[in-house]
Amino acid sequence: MLCTLKIKLMPTLEQFHALLETMKRFNQACNYISEIAFRSRTFSKTKIQRLCLAWQGMRVRKRLRMKFKKMVR
């Protein structure tokens, strides 16, 4: 059985800015990885993950200050 819950976040101002910054970095990571996929003509999720992990993972992590685990979803 699937249960869906609708919630409303009520962050403090500090939490709001932290969440906004995380969303911006996530979007930057998605755009950067999309560029890598397009340039290499790779469109399989698994192949993109391998490609990014093999030679771009460290660059993405340093550039966007994100853990690779967050980038491969």
C-alpha atoms as a PDB file:
ATOM      1  CA  MET A   1       0.000   0.000   0.000  1.00  0.00           C
ATOM      2  CA  LEU A   2       1.326   3.395  -0.973  1.00  0.00           C
ATOM      3  CA  CYS A   3       0.684   6.266   1.395  1.00  0.00           C
ATOM      4  CA  THR A   4       1.185   9.873   0.301  1.00  0.00           C
ATOM      5  CA  LEU A   5       1.687  12.672   2.753  1.00  0.00           C
ATOM      6  CA  LYS A   6       1.480  16.369   1.939  1.00  0.00           C
ATOM      7  CA  ILE A   7       3.534  18.596   4.213  1.00  0.00           C
ATOM      8  CA  LYS A   8       4.513  22.245   4.362  1.00  0.00           C
ATOM      9  CA  LEU A   9       8.045  23.208   5.365  1.00  0.00           C
ATOM     10  CA  MET A  10       8.327  26.132   7.739  1.00  0.00           C
ATOM     11  CA  PRO A  11      12.083  26.828   7.815  1.00  0.00           C
ATOM     12  CA  THR A  12      13.754  29.586   9.751  1.00  0.00           C
ATOM     13  CA  LEU A  13      15.452  32.284   7.687  1.00  0.00           C
ATOM     14  CA  GLU A  14      18.824  30.563   8.164  1.00  0.00           C
ATOM     15  CA  GLN A  15      17.395  27.180   7.123  1.00  0.00           C
ATOM     16  CA  PHE A  16      15.706  28.790   4.124  1.00  0.00           C
ATOM     17  CA  HIS A  17      19.005  30.201   2.853  1.00  0.00           C
ATOM     18  CA  ALA A  18      20.803  26.890   3.445  1.00  0.00           C
ATOM     19  CA  LEU A  19      18.097  25.011   1.540  1.00  0.00           C
ATOM     20  CA  LEU A  20      18.177  27.538  -1.295  1.00  0.00           C
ATOM     21  CA  GLU A  21      21.972  27.223  -1.583  1.00  0.00           C
ATOM     22  CA  THR A  22      21.692  23.426  -1.684  1.00  0.00           C
ATOM     23  CA  MET A  23      19.087  23.630  -4.446  1.00  0.00           C
ATOM     24  CA  LYS A  24      21.274  26.001  -6.476  1.00  0.00           C
ATOM     25  CA  ARG A  25      24.313  23.711  -6.172  1.00  0.00           C
ATOM     26  CA  PHE A  26      22.212  20.690  -7.105  1.00  0.00           C
ATOM     27  CA  ASN A  27      20.941  22.483 -10.235  1.00  0.00           C
ATOM     28  CA  GLN A  28      24.504  23.467 -11.162  1.00  0.00           C
ATOM     29  CA  ALA A  29      25.605  19.842 -10.776  1.00  0.00           C
ATOM     30  CA  CYS A  30      22.735  18.644 -12.985  1.00  0.00           C
ATOM     31  CA  ASN A  31      23.603  21.172 -15.691  1.00  0.00           C
ATOM     32  CA  TYR A  32      27.310  20.294 -15.570  1.00  0.00           C
ATOM     33  CA  ILE A  33      26.646  16.549 -15.755  1.00  0.00           C
ATOM     34  CA  SER A  34      24.177  17.142 -18.607  1.00  0.00           C
ATOM     35  CA  GLU A  35      26.943  18.925 -20.527  1.00  0.00           C
ATOM     36  CA  ILE A  36      29.277  15.965 -19.953  1.00  0.00           C
ATOM     37  CA  ALA A  37      26.603  13.523 -21.152  1.00  0.00           C
ATOM     38  CA  PHE A  38      25.785  15.599 -24.234  1.00  0.00           C
ATOM     39  CA  ARG A  39      29.443  16.074 -25.230  1.00  0.00           C
ATOM     40  CA  SER A  40      30.148  12.355 -24.898  1.00  0.00           C
ATOM     41  CA  ARG A  41      26.793  11.410 -26.484  1.00  0.00           C
ATOM     42  CA  THR A  42      26.001   9.209 -23.501  1.00  0.00           C
ATOM     43  CA  PHE A  43      22.379   9.075 -22.420  1.00  0.00           C
ATOM     44  CA  SER A  44      22.158   5.948 -20.279  1.00  0.00           C
ATOM     45  CA  LYS A  45      21.921   6.759 -16.552  1.00  0.00           C
ATOM     46  CA  THR A  46      24.353   3.966 -15.663  1.00  0.00           C
ATOM     47  CA  LYS A  47      26.886   5.015 -18.300  1.00  0.00           C
ATOM     48  CA  ILE A  48      26.664   8.664 -17.248  1.00  0.00           C
ATOM     49  CA  GLN A  49      27.288   7.633 -13.638  1.00  0.00           C
ATOM     50  CA  ARG A  50      30.350   5.603 -14.655  1.00  0.00           C
ATOM     51  CA  LEU A  51      31.627   8.393 -16.884  1.00  0.00           C
ATOM     52  CA  CYS A  52      31.261  11.022 -14.180  1.00  0.00           C
ATOM     53  CA  LEU A  53      32.757   8.789 -11.511  1.00  0.00           C
ATOM     54  CA  ALA A  54      35.694   7.773 -13.693  1.00  0.00           C
ATOM     55  CA  TRP A  55      37.019  11.140 -14.812  1.00  0.00           C
ATOM     56  CA  GLN A  56      34.668  13.935 -13.837  1.00  0.00           C
ATOM     57  CA  GLY A  57      33.457  12.964 -10.359  1.00  0.00           C
ATOM     58  CA  MET A  58      36.266  14.681  -8.484  1.00  0.00           C
ATOM     59  CA  ARG A  59      35.982  17.802 -10.633  1.00  0.00           C
ATOM     60  CA  VAL A  60      32.227  18.030 -10.044  1.00  0.00           C
ATOM     61  CA  ARG A  61      32.661  17.491  -6.309  1.00  0.00           C
ATOM     62  CA  LYS A  62      35.348  20.176  -6.009  1.00  0.00           C
ATOM     63  CA  ARG A  63      33.535  22.631  -8.251  1.00  0.00           C
ATOM     64  CA  LEU A  64      30.150  22.295  -6.585  1.00  0.00           C
ATOM     65  CA  ARG A  65      31.131  21.123  -3.083  1.00  0.00           C
ATOM     66  CA  MET A  66      28.789  18.129  -3.212  1.00  0.00           C
ATOM     67  CA  LYS A  67      29.284  14.488  -2.347  1.00  0.00           C
ATOM     68  CA  PHE A  68      29.167  12.149  -5.328  1.00  0.00           C
ATOM     69  CA  LYS A  69      26.359  10.148  -3.719  1.00  0.00           C
ATOM     70  CA  LYS A  70      24.076  13.179  -4.100  1.00  0.00           C
ATOM     71  CA  MET A  71      25.050  13.692  -7.722  1.00  0.00           C
ATOM     72  CA  VAL A  72      24.247  10.248  -9.131  1.00  0.00           C
ATOM     73  CA  ARG A  73      20.547  10.139  -8.389  1.00  0.00           C
END
